[in-house]
PDB file of N, CA and C in Angstrom:
ATOM      1  N   MET A   1      18.629   4.044 -15.093  1.00  0.00           N
ATOM      2  CA  MET A   1      17.292   4.522 -15.230  1.00  0.00           C
ATOM      3  C   MET A   1      16.901   4.644 -16.651  1.00  0.00           C
ATOM      4  N   GLU A   2      15.661   4.371 -17.030  1.00  0.00           N
ATOM      5  CA  GLU A   2      15.214   4.519 -18.357  1.00  0.00           C
ATOM      6  C   GLU A   2      14.042   5.374 -18.360  1.00  0.00           C
ATOM      7  N   ARG A   3      13.803   5.995 -19.535  1.00  0.00           N
ATOM      8  CA  ARG A   3      12.656   7.126 -19.603  1.00  0.00           C
ATOM      9  C   ARG A   3      11.768   6.495 -20.731  1.00  0.00           C
ATOM     10  N   GLY A   4      10.802   7.507 -20.992  1.00  0.00           N
ATOM     11  CA  GLY A   4       9.883   7.293 -22.085  1.00  0.00           C
ATOM     12  C   GLY A   4       8.750   6.354 -21.713  1.00  0.00           C
ATOM     13  N   GLY A   5       8.294   6.477 -20.651  1.00  0.00           N
ATOM     14  CA  GLY A   5       7.070   5.734 -20.233  1.00  0.00           C
ATOM     15  C   GLY A   5       7.479   4.322 -19.646  1.00  0.00           C
ATOM     16  N   GLU A   6       8.668   3.931 -19.625  1.00  0.00           N
ATOM     17  CA  GLU A   6       9.234   2.763 -19.141  1.00  0.00           C
ATOM     18  C   GLU A   6       9.458   3.044 -17.578  1.00  0.00           C
ATOM     19  N   PRO A   7       9.222   1.972 -16.688  1.00  0.00           N
ATOM     20  CA  PRO A   7       9.559   2.212 -15.396  1.00  0.00           C
ATOM     21  C   PRO A   7      11.086   2.362 -15.057  1.00  0.00           C
ATOM     22  N   ALA A   8      11.186   3.286 -14.025  1.00  0.00           N
ATOM     23  CA  ALA A   8      12.611   3.564 -13.591  1.00  0.00           C
ATOM     24  C   ALA A   8      13.332   2.332 -13.124  1.00  0.00           C
ATOM     25  N   LEU A   9      14.563   2.374 -13.611  1.00  0.00           N
ATOM     26  CA  LEU A   9      15.376   1.050 -13.295  1.00  0.00           C
ATOM     27  C   LEU A   9      16.597   1.398 -12.271  1.00  0.00           C
ATOM     28  N   TYR A  10      16.741   0.382 -11.403  1.00  0.00           N
ATOM     29  CA  TYR A  10      17.914   0.557 -10.534  1.00  0.00           C
ATOM     30  C   TYR A  10      18.561  -0.781 -10.460  1.00  0.00           C
ATOM     31  N   LYS A  11      19.927  -0.769 -10.957  1.00  0.00           N
ATOM     32  CA  LYS A  11      20.728  -1.933 -11.162  1.00  0.00           C
ATOM     33  C   LYS A  11      19.954  -3.026 -12.049  1.00  0.00           C
ATOM     34  N   GLY A  12      19.285  -2.405 -13.017  1.00  0.00           N
ATOM     35  CA  GLY A  12      18.759  -3.092 -14.155  1.00  0.00           C
ATOM     36  C   GLY A  12      17.370  -3.796 -13.740  1.00  0.00           C
ATOM     37  N   ARG A  13      16.750  -3.420 -12.604  1.00  0.00           N
ATOM     38  CA  ARG A  13      15.450  -3.942 -12.174  1.00  0.00           C
ATOM     39  C   ARG A  13      14.503  -2.625 -12.018  1.00  0.00           C
ATOM     40  N   ASN A  14      13.297  -2.980 -12.158  1.00  0.00           N
ATOM     41  CA  ASN A  14      12.227  -1.930 -11.819  1.00  0.00           C
ATOM     42  C   ASN A  14      12.387  -1.611 -10.427  1.00  0.00           C
ATOM     43  N   THR A  15      12.338  -0.175 -10.150  1.00  0.00           N
ATOM     44  CA  THR A  15      12.435   0.162  -8.729  1.00  0.00           C
ATOM     45  C   THR A  15      11.438  -0.470  -7.773  1.00  0.00           C
ATOM     46  N   PHE A  16      10.263  -0.696  -8.187  1.00  0.00           N
ATOM     47  CA  PHE A  16       9.215  -1.370  -7.390  1.00  0.00           C
ATOM     48  C   PHE A  16       9.725  -2.720  -6.813  1.00  0.00           C
ATOM     49  N   THR A  17      10.465  -3.392  -7.620  1.00  0.00           N
ATOM     50  CA  THR A  17      10.891  -4.735  -7.328  1.00  0.00           C
ATOM     51  C   THR A  17      11.828  -4.741  -6.175  1.00  0.00           C
ATOM     52  N   TRP A  18      12.305  -3.681  -5.748  1.00  0.00           N
ATOM     53  CA  TRP A  18      13.395  -3.580  -4.648  1.00  0.00           C
ATOM     54  C   TRP A  18      12.806  -3.495  -3.320  1.00  0.00           C
ATOM     55  N   LEU A  19      11.408  -3.215  -3.298  1.00  0.00           N
ATOM     56  CA  LEU A  19      10.791  -3.092  -1.954  1.00  0.00           C
ATOM     57  C   LEU A  19      10.791  -4.421  -1.258  1.00  0.00           C
ATOM     58  N   ASP A  20      10.581  -5.464  -1.936  1.00  0.00           N
ATOM     59  CA  ASP A  20      10.638  -6.798  -1.149  1.00  0.00           C
ATOM     60  C   ASP A  20      12.092  -7.020  -0.458  1.00  0.00           C
ATOM     61  N   ASP A  21      13.132  -6.699  -1.428  1.00  0.00           N
ATOM     62  CA  ASP A  21      14.536  -6.884  -0.903  1.00  0.00           C
ATOM     63  C   ASP A  21      14.642  -5.994   0.395  1.00  0.00           C
ATOM     64  N   VAL A  22      14.152  -4.712   0.247  1.00  0.00           N
ATOM     65  CA  VAL A  22      14.409  -3.957   1.422  1.00  0.00           C
ATOM     66  C   VAL A  22      13.683  -4.353   2.607  1.00  0.00           C
ATOM     67  N   LYS A  23      12.604  -5.002   2.466  1.00  0.00           N
ATOM     68  CA  LYS A  23      11.804  -5.477   3.778  1.00  0.00           C
ATOM     69  C   LYS A  23      12.640  -6.666   4.228  1.00  0.00           C
ATOM     70  N   GLN A  24      13.039  -7.452   3.375  1.00  0.00           N
ATOM     71  CA  GLN A  24      13.876  -8.603   3.840  1.00  0.00           C
ATOM     72  C   GLN A  24      15.059  -8.148   4.596  1.00  0.00           C
ATOM     73  N   LEU A  25      15.687  -7.140   4.103  1.00  0.00           N
ATOM     74  CA  LEU A  25      16.940  -6.671   4.684  1.00  0.00           C
ATOM     75  C   LEU A  25      16.558  -6.225   6.209  1.00  0.00           C
ATOM     76  N   LYS A  26      15.502  -5.399   6.223  1.00  0.00           N
ATOM     77  CA  LYS A  26      14.976  -4.961   7.638  1.00  0.00           C
ATOM     78  C   LYS A  26      14.658  -6.048   8.394  1.00  0.00           C
ATOM     79  N   ARG A  27      14.002  -7.046   7.960  1.00  0.00           N
ATOM     80  CA  ARG A  27      13.692  -8.323   8.840  1.00  0.00           C
ATOM     81  C   ARG A  27      14.991  -8.888   9.391  1.00  0.00           C
ATOM     82  N   SER A  28      15.975  -9.008   8.578  1.00  0.00           N
ATOM     83  CA  SER A  28      17.262  -9.512   8.770  1.00  0.00           C
ATOM     84  C   SER A  28      18.244  -8.564   9.699  1.00  0.00           C
ATOM     85  N   GLY A  29      17.713  -7.297  10.049  1.00  0.00           N
ATOM     86  CA  GLY A  29      18.395  -6.433  10.856  1.00  0.00           C
ATOM     87  C   GLY A  29      19.372  -5.683  10.101  1.00  0.00           C
ATOM     88  N   LYS A  30      19.458  -5.823   8.763  1.00  0.00           N
ATOM     89  CA  LYS A  30      20.380  -5.069   7.981  1.00  0.00           C
ATOM     90  C   LYS A  30      19.811  -3.679   7.466  1.00  0.00           C
ATOM     91  N   ILE A  31      19.582  -2.797   8.487  1.00  0.00           N
ATOM     92  CA  ILE A  31      18.953  -1.570   8.319  1.00  0.00           C
ATOM     93  C   ILE A  31      19.879  -0.747   7.502  1.00  0.00           C
ATOM     94  N   ASP A  32      21.208  -0.655   7.810  1.00  0.00           N
ATOM     95  CA  ASP A  32      22.025   0.288   7.124  1.00  0.00           C
ATOM     96  C   ASP A  32      22.039  -0.102   5.490  1.00  0.00           C
ATOM     97  N   GLU A  33      22.039  -1.444   5.235  1.00  0.00           N
ATOM     98  CA  GLU A  33      21.921  -1.827   3.757  1.00  0.00           C
ATOM     99  C   GLU A  33      20.574  -1.389   3.062  1.00  0.00           C
ATOM    100  N   ALA A  34      19.494  -1.549   3.956  1.00  0.00           N
ATOM    101  CA  ALA A  34      18.213  -1.055   3.427  1.00  0.00           C
ATOM    102  C   ALA A  34      18.167   0.413   3.051  1.00  0.00           C
ATOM    103  N   ILE A  35      18.720   1.113   4.058  1.00  0.00           N
ATOM    104  CA  ILE A  35      18.783   2.608   3.973  1.00  0.00           C
ATOM    105  C   ILE A  35      19.526   2.988   2.650  1.00  0.00           C
ATOM    106  N   GLU A  36      20.648   2.259   2.410  1.00  0.00           N
ATOM    107  CA  GLU A  36      21.515   2.572   1.304  1.00  0.00           C
ATOM    108  C   GLU A  36      20.651   2.417   0.022  1.00  0.00           C
ATOM    109  N   ILE A  37      19.986   1.249  -0.059  1.00  0.00           N
ATOM    110  CA  ILE A  37      19.159   1.085  -1.305  1.00  0.00           C
ATOM    111  C   ILE A  37      18.133   1.973  -1.391  1.00  0.00           C
ATOM    112  N   LEU A  38      17.399   2.334  -0.401  1.00  0.00           N
ATOM    113  CA  LEU A  38      16.308   3.210  -0.386  1.00  0.00           C
ATOM    114  C   LEU A  38      16.658   4.644  -0.901  1.00  0.00           C
ATOM    115  N   LEU A  39      17.812   5.053  -0.342  1.00  0.00           N
ATOM    116  CA  LEU A  39      18.278   6.374  -0.793  1.00  0.00           C
ATOM    117  C   LEU A  39      18.773   6.342  -2.293  1.00  0.00           C
ATOM    118  N   ASP A  40      19.361   5.289  -2.639  1.00  0.00           N
ATOM    119  CA  ASP A  40      19.556   5.198  -4.294  1.00  0.00           C
ATOM    120  C   ASP A  40      18.271   5.237  -5.039  1.00  0.00           C
ATOM    121  N   LEU A  41      17.270   4.479  -4.463  1.00  0.00           N
ATOM    122  CA  LEU A  41      15.934   4.431  -5.182  1.00  0.00           C
ATOM    123  C   LEU A  41      15.361   5.834  -5.109  1.00  0.00           C
ATOM    124  N   ILE A  42      15.480   6.528  -4.094  1.00  0.00           N
ATOM    125  CA  ILE A  42      14.825   7.787  -4.069  1.00  0.00           C
ATOM    126  C   ILE A  42      15.582   8.730  -5.052  1.00  0.00           C
ATOM    127  N   ASP A  43      16.858   8.596  -5.234  1.00  0.00           N
ATOM    128  CA  ASP A  43      17.602   9.419  -6.128  1.00  0.00           C
ATOM    129  C   ASP A  43      17.110   9.089  -7.650  1.00  0.00           C
ATOM    130  N   VAL A  44      16.883   7.785  -7.915  1.00  0.00           N
ATOM    131  CA  VAL A  44      16.509   7.303  -9.097  1.00  0.00           C
ATOM    132  C   VAL A  44      15.050   7.893  -9.547  1.00  0.00           C
ATOM    133  N   VAL A  45      14.126   7.791  -8.682  1.00  0.00           N
ATOM    134  CA  VAL A  45      12.682   8.198  -8.893  1.00  0.00           C
ATOM    135  C   VAL A  45      12.710   9.716  -9.084  1.00  0.00           C
ATOM    136  N   GLU A  46      13.443  10.480  -8.266  1.00  0.00           N
ATOM    137  CA  GLU A  46      13.520  11.946  -8.341  1.00  0.00           C
ATOM    138  C   GLU A  46      14.087  12.380  -9.768  1.00  0.00           C
ATOM    139  N   ALA A  47      14.983  11.560 -10.373  1.00  0.00           N
ATOM    140  CA  ALA A  47      15.582  11.787 -11.507  1.00  0.00           C
ATOM    141  C   ALA A  47      14.722  11.469 -12.648  1.00  0.00           C
ATOM    142  N   ASP A  48      13.781  10.539 -12.438  1.00  0.00           N
ATOM    143  CA  ASP A  48      12.986  10.038 -13.595  1.00  0.00           C
ATOM    144  C   ASP A  48      11.901  10.966 -13.839  1.00  0.00           C
ATOM    145  N   LYS A  49      11.915  11.412 -15.186  1.00  0.00           N
ATOM    146  CA  LYS A  49      10.925  12.436 -15.472  1.00  0.00           C
ATOM    147  C   LYS A  49       9.747  11.797 -16.432  1.00  0.00           C
ATOM    148  N   SER A  50       9.768  10.485 -16.482  1.00  0.00           N
ATOM    149  CA  SER A  50       8.802   9.769 -17.397  1.00  0.00           C
ATOM    150  C   SER A  50       7.433   9.648 -16.562  1.00  0.00           C
ATOM    151  N   TYR A  51       7.404   9.966 -15.212  1.00  0.00           N
ATOM    152  CA  TYR A  51       6.092   9.777 -14.514  1.00  0.00           C
ATOM    153  C   TYR A  51       5.814  11.127 -13.815  1.00  0.00           C
ATOM    154  N   PRO A  52       4.768  11.539 -13.721  1.00  0.00           N
ATOM    155  CA  PRO A  52       4.409  12.842 -13.037  1.00  0.00           C
ATOM    156  C   PRO A  52       4.333  12.838 -11.573  1.00  0.00           C
ATOM    157  N   GLY A  53       5.500  12.548 -11.031  1.00  0.00           N
ATOM    158  CA  GLY A  53       5.602  12.514  -9.462  1.00  0.00           C
ATOM    159  C   GLY A  53       6.413  11.219  -8.968  1.00  0.00           C
ATOM    160  N   VAL A  54       6.768  11.381  -7.672  1.00  0.00           N
ATOM    161  CA  VAL A  54       7.258  10.316  -7.036  1.00  0.00           C
ATOM    162  C   VAL A  54       6.506   9.505  -6.212  1.00  0.00           C
ATOM    163  N   PRO A  55       6.587   8.082  -6.135  1.00  0.00           N
ATOM    164  CA  PRO A  55       5.879   7.386  -5.227  1.00  0.00           C
ATOM    165  C   PRO A  55       6.430   7.448  -3.805  1.00  0.00           C
ATOM    166  N   PRO A  56       5.492   7.410  -2.787  1.00  0.00           N
ATOM    167  CA  PRO A  56       5.842   7.627  -1.547  1.00  0.00           C
ATOM    168  C   PRO A  56       6.469   6.479  -0.801  1.00  0.00           C
ATOM    169  N   ALA A  57       6.495   5.220  -1.425  1.00  0.00           N
ATOM    170  CA  ALA A  57       7.008   4.060  -0.609  1.00  0.00           C
ATOM    171  C   ALA A  57       8.495   4.098  -0.190  1.00  0.00           C
ATOM    172  N   TYR A  58       9.321   4.504  -1.056  1.00  0.00           N
ATOM    173  CA  TYR A  58      10.699   4.671  -0.774  1.00  0.00           C
ATOM    174  C   TYR A  58      11.028   5.637   0.397  1.00  0.00           C
ATOM    175  N   TYR A  59      10.467   6.639   0.343  1.00  0.00           N
ATOM    176  CA  TYR A  59      10.600   7.704   1.430  1.00  0.00           C
ATOM    177  C   TYR A  59      10.031   7.172   2.815  1.00  0.00           C
ATOM    178  N   GLU A  60       8.884   6.438   2.599  1.00  0.00           N
ATOM    179  CA  GLU A  60       8.244   6.021   3.786  1.00  0.00           C
ATOM    180  C   GLU A  60       9.085   4.894   4.567  1.00  0.00           C
ATOM    181  N   GLN A  61       9.481   3.973   3.686  1.00  0.00           N
ATOM    182  CA  GLN A  61      10.449   2.931   4.201  1.00  0.00           C
ATOM    183  C   GLN A  61      11.801   3.491   4.852  1.00  0.00           C
ATOM    184  N   ALA A  62      12.342   4.566   4.225  1.00  0.00           N
ATOM    185  CA  ALA A  62      13.680   5.082   4.673  1.00  0.00           C
ATOM    186  C   ALA A  62      13.298   5.715   6.029  1.00  0.00           C
ATOM    187  N   ALA A  63      12.260   6.517   6.044  1.00  0.00           N
ATOM    188  CA  ALA A  63      11.834   7.138   7.284  1.00  0.00           C
ATOM    189  C   ALA A  63      11.672   6.071   8.571  1.00  0.00           C
ATOM    190  N   ILE A  64      11.034   4.956   8.148  1.00  0.00           N
ATOM    191  CA  ILE A  64      10.908   3.869   9.137  1.00  0.00           C
ATOM    192  C   ILE A  64      12.303   3.297   9.636  1.00  0.00           C
ATOM    193  N   CYS A  65      13.179   3.234   8.607  1.00  0.00           N
ATOM    194  CA  CYS A  65      14.519   2.585   8.922  1.00  0.00           C
ATOM    195  C   CYS A  65      15.298   3.683   9.819  1.00  0.00           C
ATOM    196  N   PHE A  66      15.185   4.933   9.575  1.00  0.00           N
ATOM    197  CA  PHE A  66      15.812   5.874  10.301  1.00  0.00           C
ATOM    198  C   PHE A  66      15.362   5.957  11.629  1.00  0.00           C
ATOM    199  N   ARG A  67      14.018   5.900  11.816  1.00  0.00           N
ATOM    200  CA  ARG A  67      13.426   5.817  13.136  1.00  0.00           C
ATOM    201  C   ARG A  67      13.910   4.621  14.013  1.00  0.00           C
ATOM    202  N   LYS A  68      13.916   3.486  13.313  1.00  0.00           N
ATOM    203  CA  LYS A  68      14.484   2.133  13.848  1.00  0.00           C
ATOM    204  C   LYS A  68      15.741   2.331  14.624  1.00  0.00           C
ATOM    205  N   ILE A  69      16.671   3.146  13.816  1.00  0.00           N
ATOM    206  CA  ILE A  69      18.123   3.276  14.318  1.00  0.00           C
ATOM    207  C   ILE A  69      18.243   4.562  15.132  1.00  0.00           C
ATOM    208  N   GLY A  70      17.154   5.272  15.396  1.00  0.00           N
ATOM    209  CA  GLY A  70      17.107   6.431  16.298  1.00  0.00           C
ATOM    210  C   GLY A  70      17.598   7.671  15.596  1.00  0.00           C
ATOM    211  N   ASP A  71      17.685   7.814  14.278  1.00  0.00           N
ATOM    212  CA  ASP A  71      18.291   8.961  13.622  1.00  0.00           C
ATOM    213  C   ASP A  71      17.086   9.866  13.184  1.00  0.00           C
ATOM    214  N   LEU A  72      16.661  10.636  14.204  1.00  0.00           N
ATOM    215  CA  LEU A  72      15.523  11.518  13.938  1.00  0.00           C
ATOM    216  C   LEU A  72      15.778  12.565  12.952  1.00  0.00           C
ATOM    217  N   ALA A  73      16.964  13.094  12.939  1.00  0.00           N
ATOM    218  CA  ALA A  73      17.316  14.187  11.880  1.00  0.00           C
ATOM    219  C   ALA A  73      17.167  13.652  10.446  1.00  0.00           C
ATOM    220  N   SER A  74      17.605  12.454  10.167  1.00  0.00           N
ATOM    221  CA  SER A  74      17.500  11.840   8.868  1.00  0.00           C
ATOM    222  C   SER A  74      16.040  11.443   8.635  1.00  0.00           C
ATOM    223  N   GLU A  75      15.407  10.975   9.549  1.00  0.00           N
ATOM    224  CA  GLU A  75      13.985  10.706   9.317  1.00  0.00           C
ATOM    225  C   GLU A  75      13.220  11.927   8.972  1.00  0.00           C
ATOM    226  N   ILE A  76      13.473  13.008   9.651  1.00  0.00           N
ATOM    227  CA  ILE A  76      12.744  14.206   9.258  1.00  0.00           C
ATOM    228  C   ILE A  76      13.211  14.773   7.885  1.00  0.00           C
ATOM    229  N   SER A  77      14.507  14.584   7.662  1.00  0.00           N
ATOM    230  CA  SER A  77      15.114  15.004   6.299  1.00  0.00           C
ATOM    231  C   SER A  77      14.491  14.296   5.227  1.00  0.00           C
ATOM    232  N   VAL A  78      14.275  12.906   5.311  1.00  0.00           N
ATOM    233  CA  VAL A  78      13.772  12.256   4.133  1.00  0.00           C
ATOM    234  C   VAL A  78      12.349  12.491   3.848  1.00  0.00           C
ATOM    235  N   LEU A  79      11.579  12.905   5.069  1.00  0.00           N
ATOM    236  CA  LEU A  79      10.110  13.253   4.935  1.00  0.00           C
ATOM    237  C   LEU A  79      10.110  14.577   4.300  1.00  0.00           C
ATOM    238  N   GLU A  80      10.876  15.507   4.613  1.00  0.00           N
ATOM    239  CA  GLU A  80      10.831  16.891   4.016  1.00  0.00           C
ATOM    240  C   GLU A  80      11.379  16.770   2.492  1.00  0.00           C
ATOM    241  N   ARG A  81      12.145  15.885   2.242  1.00  0.00           N
ATOM    242  CA  ARG A  81      12.467  15.662   0.983  1.00  0.00           C
ATOM    243  C   ARG A  81      11.286  15.133   0.043  1.00  0.00           C
ATOM    244  N   PHE A  82      10.650  14.179   0.564  1.00  0.00           N
ATOM    245  CA  PHE A  82       9.377  13.727   0.004  1.00  0.00           C
ATOM    246  C   PHE A  82       8.328  14.902  -0.167  1.00  0.00           C
ATOM    247  N   ALA A  83       8.133  15.665   0.813  1.00  0.00           N
ATOM    248  CA  ALA A  83       7.220  16.767   0.773  1.00  0.00           C
ATOM    249  C   ALA A  83       7.604  17.802  -0.231  1.00  0.00           C
ATOM    250  N   ALA A  84       8.863  17.958  -0.589  1.00  0.00           N
ATOM    251  CA  ALA A  84       9.364  18.899  -1.604  1.00  0.00           C
ATOM    252  C   ALA A  84       9.071  18.360  -2.965  1.00  0.00           C
ATOM    253  N   GLN A  85       8.711  17.138  -3.142  1.00  0.00           N
ATOM    254  CA  GLN A  85       8.614  16.594  -4.517  1.00  0.00           C
ATOM    255  C   GLN A  85       7.184  16.718  -5.111  1.00  0.00           C
ATOM    256  N   VAL A  86       7.207  16.671  -6.359  1.00  0.00           N
ATOM    257  CA  VAL A  86       5.640  16.387  -7.008  1.00  0.00           C
ATOM    258  C   VAL A  86       5.351  14.965  -6.706  1.00  0.00           C
ATOM    259  N   HIS A  87       4.204  14.831  -6.209  1.00  0.00           N
ATOM    260  CA  HIS A  87       3.776  13.419  -5.934  1.00  0.00           C
ATOM    261  C   HIS A  87       3.027  12.583  -7.004  1.00  0.00           C
ATOM    262  N   ALA A  88       3.203  11.394  -6.880  1.00  0.00           N
ATOM    263  CA  ALA A  88       2.411  10.622  -7.807  1.00  0.00           C
ATOM    264  C   ALA A  88       0.809  10.682  -7.654  1.00  0.00           C
ATOM    265  N   ARG A  89       0.048  10.338  -8.453  1.00  0.00           N
ATOM    266  CA  ARG A  89      -1.314  10.501  -8.324  1.00  0.00           C
ATOM    267  C   ARG A  89      -1.778   9.720  -7.165  1.00  0.00           C
ATOM    268  N   GLY A  90      -2.779  10.223  -6.369  1.00  0.00           N
ATOM    269  CA  GLY A  90      -3.360   9.469  -5.316  1.00  0.00           C
ATOM    270  C   GLY A  90      -2.522   9.612  -3.975  1.00  0.00           C
ATOM    271  N   VAL A  91      -1.486  10.267  -4.059  1.00  0.00           N
ATOM    272  CA  VAL A  91      -0.621  10.326  -2.746  1.00  0.00           C
ATOM    273  C   VAL A  91      -1.057  11.540  -2.011  1.00  0.00           C
TER     274      VAL A  91
END
């Protein structure tokens, strides 16, 4: 992860670029892999202090994945985790 106004990085890439990868994994039925990446992305954006708030996309996609596999407790947990964060503008 990088700071100072630069976008948060995960494995050397801007976190936003991972959303297409996650969607492809979901389409391929690789929900567990998508969840693993999403939870890592959530950790990165929560730790990134260069922006005033977290973007909702990672939490939303994680909740959708948890719903798909029938893990209601994790779905609620990730949504509560989002609710506890400072949100990005417009959220």
